[in-house]
Amino acid sequence: MTTTFFLVRHAAHDRLGRVLCGRMPGVTLGREGRAQGEALAARLAGEGLAAVYASPLERAQETAAPLAARAGLAVEILPALNEIDFGAWAGQSFDDLHGDPAWTGWNQARHVTRPPGGETALEAQARVLRGLEDLRARHGEARLALVSHADVIKLVIAHALGLGADGMQRFEIGPASVSVLVLGAWGAKVESLNERAFLGHHA
């Protein structure tokens, strides 16, 4: 018995690449992000989804909404899919963070560095992997869409590939991308990585 997870990174918002949003409230999709959400819904429309789960954050829920609507499902909120808790770093610009020695430490050794007031990468990885195992136990042989965040998805993929938490920096998980993970009693297998389904795909 295997469970197939479509790991979806939320679509684009206007702070992307400039601000470490973390769990700060009020980060919502712009026009580009909403168009990406519709493209994702079209990409996943034929996959026979049994459920759509999303991180508690607005940008993930907004990305999940068209996916669920297309599949005739409701979006279910799953705290295990939440962004890494970056503590005091949330809401800071990347330009400001670059001068912080702790930020340098985080980028060099994420498995042992704790953001101020936040969680380590290993804690976040354990949280999301427990969540996936719970879903596998609940749904069994099913296909599920999970809308989460780049680093959280990277931690899942790194684990499936047998990489340490720092291995998450060796591959890309772009906005509005889909990565496919299969979980069984035998372990995990990555079927696809960082598929792009949105605007410009056919250009």
C-alpha atoms as a PDB file:
ATOM      1  CA  MET A   1       0.000   0.000   0.000  1.00  0.00           C
ATOM      2  CA  THR A   2       1.423   3.351  -1.025  1.00  0.00           C
ATOM      3  CA  THR A   3       0.328   6.936  -0.537  1.00  0.00           C
ATOM      4  CA  THR A   4       1.231   9.489  -3.212  1.00  0.00           C
ATOM      5  CA  PHE A   5       1.856  13.054  -2.076  1.00  0.00           C
ATOM      6  CA  PHE A   6       1.873  15.985  -4.479  1.00  0.00           C
ATOM      7  CA  LEU A   7       4.066  18.443  -2.559  1.00  0.00           C
ATOM      8  CA  VAL A   8       3.113  21.912  -3.779  1.00  0.00           C
ATOM      9  CA  ARG A   9       5.010  25.056  -2.875  1.00  0.00           C
ATOM     10  CA  HIS A  10       2.697  28.025  -2.511  1.00  0.00           C
ATOM     11  CA  ALA A  11       2.492  30.445  -5.425  1.00  0.00           C
ATOM     12  CA  ALA A  12       4.233  33.819  -5.704  1.00  0.00           C
ATOM     13  CA  HIS A  13       3.636  36.831  -3.465  1.00  0.00           C
ATOM     14  CA  ASP A  14       5.091  40.330  -3.664  1.00  0.00           C
ATOM     15  CA  ARG A  15       7.670  39.829  -0.886  1.00  0.00           C
ATOM     16  CA  LEU A  16       9.190  36.757  -2.551  1.00  0.00           C
ATOM     17  CA  GLY A  17      12.989  36.890  -2.593  1.00  0.00           C
ATOM     18  CA  ARG A  18      13.133  40.127  -0.573  1.00  0.00           C
ATOM     19  CA  VAL A  19      11.731  39.321   2.861  1.00  0.00           C
ATOM     20  CA  LEU A  20      12.010  36.242   5.068  1.00  0.00           C
ATOM     21  CA  CYS A  21       8.287  36.003   5.699  1.00  0.00           C
ATOM     22  CA  GLY A  22       8.358  32.922   7.902  1.00  0.00           C
ATOM     23  CA  ARG A  23       5.077  32.698   9.770  1.00  0.00           C
ATOM     24  CA  MET A  24       4.232  36.413   9.671  1.00  0.00           C
ATOM     25  CA  PRO A  25       0.522  36.995   8.941  1.00  0.00           C
ATOM     26  CA  GLY A  26      -0.909  38.862   5.990  1.00  0.00           C
ATOM     27  CA  VAL A  27       1.343  37.490   3.233  1.00  0.00           C
ATOM     28  CA  THR A  28      -1.075  36.855   0.378  1.00  0.00           C
ATOM     29  CA  LEU A  29      -0.823  36.007  -3.306  1.00  0.00           C
ATOM     30  CA  GLY A  30      -0.618  38.714  -5.931  1.00  0.00           C
ATOM     31  CA  ARG A  31      -2.011  38.532  -9.460  1.00  0.00           C
ATOM     32  CA  GLU A  32       0.859  36.330 -10.667  1.00  0.00           C
ATOM     33  CA  GLY A  33       0.400  33.979  -7.722  1.00  0.00           C
ATOM     34  CA  ARG A  34      -3.328  33.610  -8.318  1.00  0.00           C
ATOM     35  CA  ALA A  35      -2.661  32.748 -11.970  1.00  0.00           C
ATOM     36  CA  GLN A  36      -0.093  30.180 -10.825  1.00  0.00           C
ATOM     37  CA  GLY A  37      -2.701  28.688  -8.484  1.00  0.00           C
ATOM     38  CA  GLU A  38      -5.104  28.204 -11.397  1.00  0.00           C
ATOM     39  CA  ALA A  39      -2.338  26.573 -13.458  1.00  0.00           C
ATOM     40  CA  LEU A  40      -1.586  24.216 -10.563  1.00  0.00           C
ATOM     41  CA  ALA A  41      -5.272  23.316 -10.352  1.00  0.00           C
ATOM     42  CA  ALA A  42      -5.206  22.409 -14.044  1.00  0.00           C
ATOM     43  CA  ARG A  43      -1.982  20.391 -13.574  1.00  0.00           C
ATOM     44  CA  LEU A  44      -3.492  18.314 -10.758  1.00  0.00           C
ATOM     45  CA  ALA A  45      -7.048  18.085 -12.114  1.00  0.00           C
ATOM     46  CA  GLY A  46      -6.609  14.566 -13.502  1.00  0.00           C
ATOM     47  CA  GLU A  47      -4.721  13.085 -10.555  1.00  0.00           C
ATOM     48  CA  GLY A  48      -7.739  11.769  -8.627  1.00  0.00           C
ATOM     49  CA  LEU A  49      -6.941  13.640  -5.436  1.00  0.00           C
ATOM     50  CA  ALA A  50      -8.585  12.281  -2.291  1.00  0.00           C
ATOM     51  CA  ALA A  51      -7.783  15.350  -0.185  1.00  0.00           C
ATOM     52  CA  VAL A  52      -6.067  18.740  -0.276  1.00  0.00           C
ATOM     53  CA  TYR A  53      -4.119  19.868   2.784  1.00  0.00           C
ATOM     54  CA  ALA A  54      -2.477  23.248   3.343  1.00  0.00           C
ATOM     55  CA  SER A  55      -0.209  25.007   5.795  1.00  0.00           C
ATOM     56  CA  PRO A  56      -2.046  27.394   8.145  1.00  0.00           C
ATOM     57  CA  LEU A  57      -0.516  30.427   6.381  1.00  0.00           C
ATOM     58  CA  GLU A  58      -2.602  32.528   3.988  1.00  0.00           C
ATOM     59  CA  ARG A  59      -0.363  32.118   0.951  1.00  0.00           C
ATOM     60  CA  ALA A  60      -0.595  28.326   1.187  1.00  0.00           C
ATOM     61  CA  GLN A  61      -4.352  28.310   1.719  1.00  0.00           C
ATOM     62  CA  GLU A  62      -4.883  30.674  -1.225  1.00  0.00           C
ATOM     63  CA  THR A  63      -2.776  28.394  -3.447  1.00  0.00           C
ATOM     64  CA  ALA A  64      -4.689  25.331  -2.274  1.00  0.00           C
ATOM     65  CA  ALA A  65      -8.155  26.823  -2.836  1.00  0.00           C
ATOM     66  CA  PRO A  66      -8.338  26.410  -6.665  1.00  0.00           C
ATOM     67  CA  LEU A  67      -6.776  22.924  -6.420  1.00  0.00           C
ATOM     68  CA  ALA A  68      -9.459  21.816  -3.988  1.00  0.00           C
ATOM     69  CA  ALA A  69     -12.268  23.522  -5.898  1.00  0.00           C
ATOM     70  CA  ARG A  70     -11.264  21.798  -9.149  1.00  0.00           C
ATOM     71  CA  ALA A  71     -11.278  18.429  -7.329  1.00  0.00           C
ATOM     72  CA  GLY A  72     -14.578  19.081  -5.547  1.00  0.00           C
ATOM     73  CA  LEU A  73     -12.851  19.078  -2.145  1.00  0.00           C
ATOM     74  CA  ALA A  74     -12.431  21.431   0.791  1.00  0.00           C
ATOM     75  CA  VAL A  75      -8.990  22.649   1.891  1.00  0.00           C
ATOM     76  CA  GLU A  76      -7.985  21.017   5.164  1.00  0.00           C
ATOM     77  CA  ILE A  77      -5.503  22.919   7.352  1.00  0.00           C
ATOM     78  CA  LEU A  78      -2.568  20.829   8.564  1.00  0.00           C
ATOM     79  CA  PRO A  79      -0.239  22.511  11.108  1.00  0.00           C
ATOM     80  CA  ALA A  80       2.519  19.985  10.273  1.00  0.00           C
ATOM     81  CA  LEU A  81       2.873  21.718   6.882  1.00  0.00           C
ATOM     82  CA  ASN A  82       3.568  25.136   8.429  1.00  0.00           C
ATOM     83  CA  GLU A  83       6.645  27.126   7.457  1.00  0.00           C
ATOM     84  CA  ILE A  84       9.773  26.739   9.563  1.00  0.00           C
ATOM     85  CA  ASP A  85       9.447  28.889  12.695  1.00  0.00           C
ATOM     86  CA  PHE A  86      12.103  31.519  12.055  1.00  0.00           C
ATOM     87  CA  GLY A  87      11.377  33.337  15.321  1.00  0.00           C
ATOM     88  CA  ALA A  88      12.786  36.865  15.424  1.00  0.00           C
ATOM     89  CA  TRP A  89      13.970  36.649  11.795  1.00  0.00           C
ATOM     90  CA  ALA A  90      10.407  36.571  10.407  1.00  0.00           C
ATOM     91  CA  GLY A  91       9.583  39.752   8.517  1.00  0.00           C
ATOM     92  CA  GLN A  92      13.206  40.865   8.086  1.00  0.00           C
ATOM     93  CA  SER A  93      14.650  41.617   4.679  1.00  0.00           C
ATOM     94  CA  PHE A  94      17.345  39.304   3.371  1.00  0.00           C
ATOM     95  CA  ASP A  95      19.600  42.360   3.005  1.00  0.00           C
ATOM     96  CA  ASP A  96      19.362  43.006   6.758  1.00  0.00           C
ATOM     97  CA  LEU A  97      19.870  39.351   7.658  1.00  0.00           C
ATOM     98  CA  HIS A  98      23.097  39.065   5.656  1.00  0.00           C
ATOM     99  CA  GLY A  99      24.977  40.950   8.379  1.00  0.00           C
ATOM    100  CA  ASP A 100      23.776  38.633  11.167  1.00  0.00           C
ATOM    101  CA  PRO A 101      26.339  35.966  12.205  1.00  0.00           C
ATOM    102  CA  ALA A 102      23.519  33.644  13.316  1.00  0.00           C
ATOM    103  CA  TRP A 103      21.994  33.879   9.811  1.00  0.00           C
ATOM    104  CA  THR A 104      25.372  32.928   8.338  1.00  0.00           C
ATOM    105  CA  GLY A 105      25.462  29.969  10.718  1.00  0.00           C
ATOM    106  CA  TRP A 106      21.965  28.915   9.656  1.00  0.00           C
ATOM    107  CA  ASN A 107      22.967  28.873   6.001  1.00  0.00           C
ATOM    108  CA  GLN A 108      26.169  26.942   6.687  1.00  0.00           C
ATOM    109  CA  ALA A 109      24.795  24.333   9.119  1.00  0.00           C
ATOM    110  CA  ARG A 110      21.025  24.313   9.261  1.00  0.00           C
ATOM    111  CA  HIS A 111      20.834  21.019  11.116  1.00  0.00           C
ATOM    112  CA  VAL A 112      22.415  22.529  14.243  1.00  0.00           C
ATOM    113  CA  THR A 113      21.516  26.225  14.047  1.00  0.00           C
ATOM    114  CA  ARG A 114      18.400  27.553  15.762  1.00  0.00           C
ATOM    115  CA  PRO A 115      16.869  30.834  14.557  1.00  0.00           C
ATOM    116  CA  PRO A 116      16.392  33.188  17.546  1.00  0.00           C
ATOM    117  CA  GLY A 117      13.172  32.054  19.208  1.00  0.00           C
ATOM    118  CA  GLY A 118      12.457  29.564  16.409  1.00  0.00           C
ATOM    119  CA  GLU A 119      12.927  25.897  15.529  1.00  0.00           C
ATOM    120  CA  THR A 120      15.837  24.018  14.007  1.00  0.00           C
ATOM    121  CA  ALA A 121      15.644  22.433  10.574  1.00  0.00           C
ATOM    122  CA  LEU A 122      15.699  19.001  12.216  1.00  0.00           C
ATOM    123  CA  GLU A 123      12.720  19.909  14.394  1.00  0.00           C
ATOM    124  CA  ALA A 124      10.811  21.147  11.366  1.00  0.00           C
ATOM    125  CA  GLN A 125      11.762  18.018   9.421  1.00  0.00           C
ATOM    126  CA  ALA A 126      10.544  15.728  12.208  1.00  0.00           C
ATOM    127  CA  ARG A 127       7.274  17.686  12.422  1.00  0.00           C
ATOM    128  CA  VAL A 128       6.438  17.400   8.732  1.00  0.00           C
ATOM    129  CA  LEU A 129       7.537  13.756   8.415  1.00  0.00           C
ATOM    130  CA  ARG A 130       5.256  12.826  11.348  1.00  0.00           C
ATOM    131  CA  GLY A 131       2.475  14.660   9.551  1.00  0.00           C
ATOM    132  CA  LEU A 132       3.027  12.671   6.356  1.00  0.00           C
ATOM    133  CA  GLU A 133       3.066   9.365   8.247  1.00  0.00           C
ATOM    134  CA  ASP A 134      -0.201  10.342   9.970  1.00  0.00           C
ATOM    135  CA  LEU A 135      -1.749  11.072   6.568  1.00  0.00           C
ATOM    136  CA  ARG A 136      -0.528   7.746   5.212  1.00  0.00           C
ATOM    137  CA  ALA A 137      -2.129   5.959   8.174  1.00  0.00           C
ATOM    138  CA  ARG A 138      -5.358   7.923   7.693  1.00  0.00           C
ATOM    139  CA  HIS A 139      -5.734   7.682   3.908  1.00  0.00           C
ATOM    140  CA  GLY A 140      -3.875   4.523   2.931  1.00  0.00           C
ATOM    141  CA  GLU A 141      -3.794   3.983  -0.831  1.00  0.00           C
ATOM    142  CA  ALA A 142      -4.580   7.540  -1.947  1.00  0.00           C
ATOM    143  CA  ARG A 143      -3.296  10.594  -3.795  1.00  0.00           C
ATOM    144  CA  LEU A 144      -3.063  13.754  -1.715  1.00  0.00           C
ATOM    145  CA  ALA A 145      -2.080  17.357  -2.467  1.00  0.00           C
ATOM    146  CA  LEU A 146      -0.083  19.109   0.259  1.00  0.00           C
ATOM    147  CA  VAL A 147       0.519  22.865  -0.098  1.00  0.00           C
ATOM    148  CA  SER A 148       3.475  23.992   1.977  1.00  0.00           C
ATOM    149  CA  HIS A 149       6.679  26.049   1.839  1.00  0.00           C
ATOM    150  CA  ALA A 150      10.005  25.698   0.045  1.00  0.00           C
ATOM    151  CA  ASP A 151      12.221  24.729   2.990  1.00  0.00           C
ATOM    152  CA  VAL A 152       9.624  22.360   4.446  1.00  0.00           C
ATOM    153  CA  ILE A 153       9.275  20.525   1.127  1.00  0.00           C
ATOM    154  CA  LYS A 154      13.061  20.473   0.739  1.00  0.00           C
ATOM    155  CA  LEU A 155      13.410  18.820   4.146  1.00  0.00           C
ATOM    156  CA  VAL A 156      10.949  16.084   3.126  1.00  0.00           C
ATOM    157  CA  ILE A 157      12.748  15.469  -0.185  1.00  0.00           C
ATOM    158  CA  ALA A 158      16.184  15.508   1.472  1.00  0.00           C
ATOM    159  CA  HIS A 159      15.015  12.835   3.916  1.00  0.00           C
ATOM    160  CA  ALA A 160      13.563  10.702   1.111  1.00  0.00           C
ATOM    161  CA  LEU A 161      16.859  10.929  -0.798  1.00  0.00           C
ATOM    162  CA  GLY A 162      18.926  10.014   2.256  1.00  0.00           C
ATOM    163  CA  LEU A 163      20.500  13.463   2.520  1.00  0.00           C
ATOM    164  CA  GLY A 164      21.120  15.319   5.762  1.00  0.00           C
ATOM    165  CA  ALA A 165      19.125  18.456   6.489  1.00  0.00           C
ATOM    166  CA  ASP A 166      21.881  20.571   4.922  1.00  0.00           C
ATOM    167  CA  GLY A 167      21.345  18.659   1.657  1.00  0.00           C
ATOM    168  CA  MET A 168      18.177  20.703   1.179  1.00  0.00           C
ATOM    169  CA  GLN A 169      20.311  23.397  -0.430  1.00  0.00           C
ATOM    170  CA  ARG A 170      21.362  21.116  -3.299  1.00  0.00           C
ATOM    171  CA  PHE A 171      18.087  21.366  -5.215  1.00  0.00           C
ATOM    172  CA  GLU A 172      15.436  23.951  -6.026  1.00  0.00           C
ATOM    173  CA  ILE A 173      11.770  24.067  -5.033  1.00  0.00           C
ATOM    174  CA  GLY A 174      10.326  27.021  -6.947  1.00  0.00           C
ATOM    175  CA  PRO A 175       7.091  28.924  -6.315  1.00  0.00           C
ATOM    176  CA  ALA A 176       4.000  27.017  -7.504  1.00  0.00           C
ATOM    177  CA  SER A 177       6.063  23.888  -8.179  1.00  0.00           C
ATOM    178  CA  VAL A 178       4.971  20.277  -7.715  1.00  0.00           C
ATOM    179  CA  SER A 179       7.185  17.481  -6.398  1.00  0.00           C
ATOM    180  CA  VAL A 180       5.812  13.953  -6.152  1.00  0.00           C
ATOM    181  CA  LEU A 181       6.672  11.696  -3.215  1.00  0.00           C
ATOM    182  CA  VAL A 182       5.469   8.121  -2.691  1.00  0.00           C
ATOM    183  CA  LEU A 183       5.411   6.678   0.836  1.00  0.00           C
ATOM    184  CA  GLY A 184       5.035   3.016   1.689  1.00  0.00           C
ATOM    185  CA  ALA A 185       5.920   0.683   4.538  1.00  0.00           C
ATOM    186  CA  TRP A 186       9.243   0.165   2.705  1.00  0.00           C
ATOM    187  CA  GLY A 187      10.141   3.872   2.866  1.00  0.00           C
ATOM    188  CA  ALA A 188       9.968   6.841   0.532  1.00  0.00           C
ATOM    189  CA  LYS A 189      10.608   7.433  -3.166  1.00  0.00           C
ATOM    190  CA  VAL A 190      10.783  10.718  -5.091  1.00  0.00           C
ATOM    191  CA  GLU A 191       8.961  10.451  -8.418  1.00  0.00           C
ATOM    192  CA  SER A 192       9.427  14.023  -9.627  1.00  0.00           C
ATOM    193  CA  LEU A 193      11.036  17.222  -8.417  1.00  0.00           C
ATOM    194  CA  ASN A 194      10.194  20.898  -8.875  1.00  0.00           C
ATOM    195  CA  GLU A 195       7.740  20.529 -11.788  1.00  0.00           C
ATOM    196  CA  ARG A 196       6.581  23.919 -13.011  1.00  0.00           C
ATOM    197  CA  ALA A 197       2.976  24.124 -14.178  1.00  0.00           C
ATOM    198  CA  PHE A 198       2.460  27.856 -14.441  1.00  0.00           C
ATOM    199  CA  LEU A 199       2.688  30.799 -16.827  1.00  0.00           C
ATOM    200  CA  GLY A 200       5.528  30.716 -19.296  1.00  0.00           C
ATOM    201  CA  HIS A 201       5.705  26.912 -19.190  1.00  0.00           C
ATOM    202  CA  HIS A 202       4.949  26.703 -22.913  1.00  0.00           C
ATOM    203  CA  ALA A 203       6.920  29.771 -23.945  1.00  0.00           C
END
